[in-house]
């Protein structure tokens, strides 16, 4: 999946918590989020849009807007490795970040699993 396809899919599947997402879809969407947030923060500082604030307001607004699709793509990525999206809650244990990163980097199931067909075969 290309970068533009991944970003389109990220927004098209805005609240899809039930299917699967490939590694490329997840990582390209994550890259898009980081580049846009950094760009907004840089632009805000360059134009001095909110001089009384130390926080990047535009980047925070962007993060709030994409909160639901971000959780959705995380759940779909976990589904691709045949894990429930609820496994994301282990991030609150701090040490749980390690298995999450592993699952996000791990190749998904080649065949259909209980969350649907392989997203790379569509």
Protein backbone atom coordinates (compact mmCIF):
# COMPACT_ATOMS: atom_id res chain seq x y z
CA UNK A 1 0.00 0.00 0.00
CA UNK A 2 1.38 3.40 -0.95
CA UNK A 3 1.53 6.46 1.29
CA UNK A 4 -1.45 8.18 -0.39
CA UNK A 5 -3.54 5.00 -0.35
CA UNK A 6 -2.80 4.55 3.35
CA UNK A 7 -3.81 8.13 4.20
CA UNK A 8 -7.00 7.79 2.12
CA UNK A 9 -7.80 4.52 3.86
CA UNK A 10 -7.08 6.10 7.26
CA UNK A 11 -9.77 8.73 6.68
CA UNK A 12 -12.16 6.49 4.71
CA UNK A 13 -12.24 3.92 7.53
CA UNK A 14 -12.74 6.71 10.08
CA UNK A 15 -14.62 4.62 12.62
CA UNK A 16 -14.05 1.07 11.39
CA UNK A 17 -13.03 -0.90 14.46
CA UNK A 18 -13.83 -4.32 13.02
CA UNK A 19 -11.65 -5.04 9.97
CA UNK A 20 -7.88 -5.35 9.48
CA UNK A 21 -5.08 -2.97 8.45
CA UNK A 22 -1.71 -3.90 7.01
CA UNK A 23 1.61 -2.77 8.43
CA UNK A 24 2.14 -0.29 5.61
CA UNK A 25 -1.30 1.25 6.14
CA UNK A 26 -0.64 1.67 9.86
CA UNK A 27 2.91 3.04 9.58
CA UNK A 28 2.14 5.39 6.67
CA UNK A 29 -0.87 6.76 8.56
CA UNK A 30 1.31 7.23 11.65
CA UNK A 31 3.93 9.01 9.52
CA UNK A 32 1.22 11.28 8.08
CA UNK A 33 -0.02 12.15 11.58
CA UNK A 34 3.47 12.99 12.80
CA UNK A 35 4.40 15.09 9.75
CA UNK A 36 1.15 17.08 9.86
CA UNK A 37 1.38 17.66 13.63
CA UNK A 38 5.01 18.78 13.37
CA UNK A 39 4.20 20.95 10.37
CA UNK A 40 1.31 22.61 12.16
CA UNK A 41 3.45 23.25 15.22
CA UNK A 42 6.21 24.72 13.06
CA UNK A 43 3.76 26.86 11.09
CA UNK A 44 2.15 28.13 14.26
CA UNK A 45 5.52 29.13 15.68
CA UNK A 46 6.64 30.70 12.42
CA UNK A 47 3.49 32.81 12.08
CA UNK A 48 3.24 33.43 15.84
CA UNK A 49 -0.46 32.59 15.78
CA UNK A 50 -0.85 32.05 19.53
CA UNK A 51 2.03 33.99 21.14
CA UNK A 52 0.59 33.70 24.67
CA UNK A 53 0.65 29.89 24.54
CA UNK A 54 3.67 27.63 24.91
CA UNK A 55 1.72 24.70 23.46
CA UNK A 56 1.18 24.08 19.73
CA UNK A 57 -2.58 24.75 19.64
CA UNK A 58 -3.08 23.81 15.96
CA UNK A 59 -1.28 20.49 16.44
CA UNK A 60 -3.46 19.75 19.50
CA UNK A 61 -6.61 20.54 17.54
CA UNK A 62 -5.44 18.21 14.75
CA UNK A 63 -4.74 15.44 17.28
CA UNK A 64 -8.24 15.78 18.73
CA UNK A 65 -9.81 15.67 15.25
CA UNK A 66 -8.02 12.42 14.39
CA UNK A 67 -8.46 10.78 17.79
CA UNK A 68 -11.17 8.33 16.69
CA UNK A 69 -9.48 7.30 13.42
CA UNK A 70 -6.21 6.83 15.35
CA UNK A 71 -7.83 4.41 17.77
CA UNK A 72 -9.59 2.70 14.85
CA UNK A 73 -6.37 2.05 12.92
CA UNK A 74 -4.70 0.75 16.09
CA UNK A 75 -7.57 -1.70 16.60
CA UNK A 76 -7.46 -2.76 12.93
CA UNK A 77 -3.68 -3.27 13.11
CA UNK A 78 -4.07 -5.47 16.18
CA UNK A 79 -6.82 -7.38 14.38
CA UNK A 80 -4.36 -8.09 11.55
CA UNK A 81 -2.19 -9.94 14.07
CA UNK A 82 -5.29 -11.76 15.35
CA UNK A 83 -5.45 -9.77 18.59
CA UNK A 84 -8.42 -7.90 19.98
CA UNK A 85 -8.29 -4.11 19.76
CA UNK A 86 -8.72 -4.07 23.54
CA UNK A 87 -5.10 -5.22 23.82
CA UNK A 88 -4.17 -1.58 23.23
CA UNK A 89 -5.08 -0.91 26.86
CA UNK A 90 -1.84 -2.60 27.97
CA UNK A 91 -0.12 0.64 26.97
CA UNK A 92 -1.15 1.94 30.41
CA UNK A 93 1.10 -0.61 32.10
CA UNK A 94 4.15 1.14 30.59
CA UNK A 95 5.89 -2.20 29.97
CA UNK A 96 2.97 -3.02 27.66
CA UNK A 97 4.44 -0.68 25.05
CA UNK A 98 7.00 -3.36 24.17
CA UNK A 99 4.54 -6.04 22.99
CA UNK A 100 2.46 -3.37 21.24
CA UNK A 101 5.43 -2.20 19.20
CA UNK A 102 6.19 -5.82 18.38
CA UNK A 103 2.61 -6.47 17.23
CA UNK A 104 2.56 -3.25 15.18
CA UNK A 105 5.78 -4.35 13.42
CA UNK A 106 4.81 -8.01 13.07
CA UNK A 107 3.42 -9.27 9.78
CA UNK A 108 -0.30 -9.93 9.86
CA UNK A 109 -1.94 -13.30 9.37
CA UNK A 110 -1.57 -14.51 5.79
CA UNK A 111 -4.98 -16.11 5.74
CA UNK A 112 -8.38 -14.90 6.82
CA UNK A 113 -8.76 -14.67 10.58
CA UNK A 114 -11.76 -13.93 12.79
CA UNK A 115 -11.49 -10.21 11.94
CA UNK A 116 -11.70 -10.63 8.18
CA UNK A 117 -9.62 -11.34 5.09
CA UNK A 118 -6.00 -10.39 4.63
CA UNK A 119 -5.95 -6.65 3.77
CA UNK A 120 -3.08 -7.19 1.32
CA UNK A 121 -5.23 -9.47 -0.85
CA UNK A 122 -7.97 -6.89 -1.48
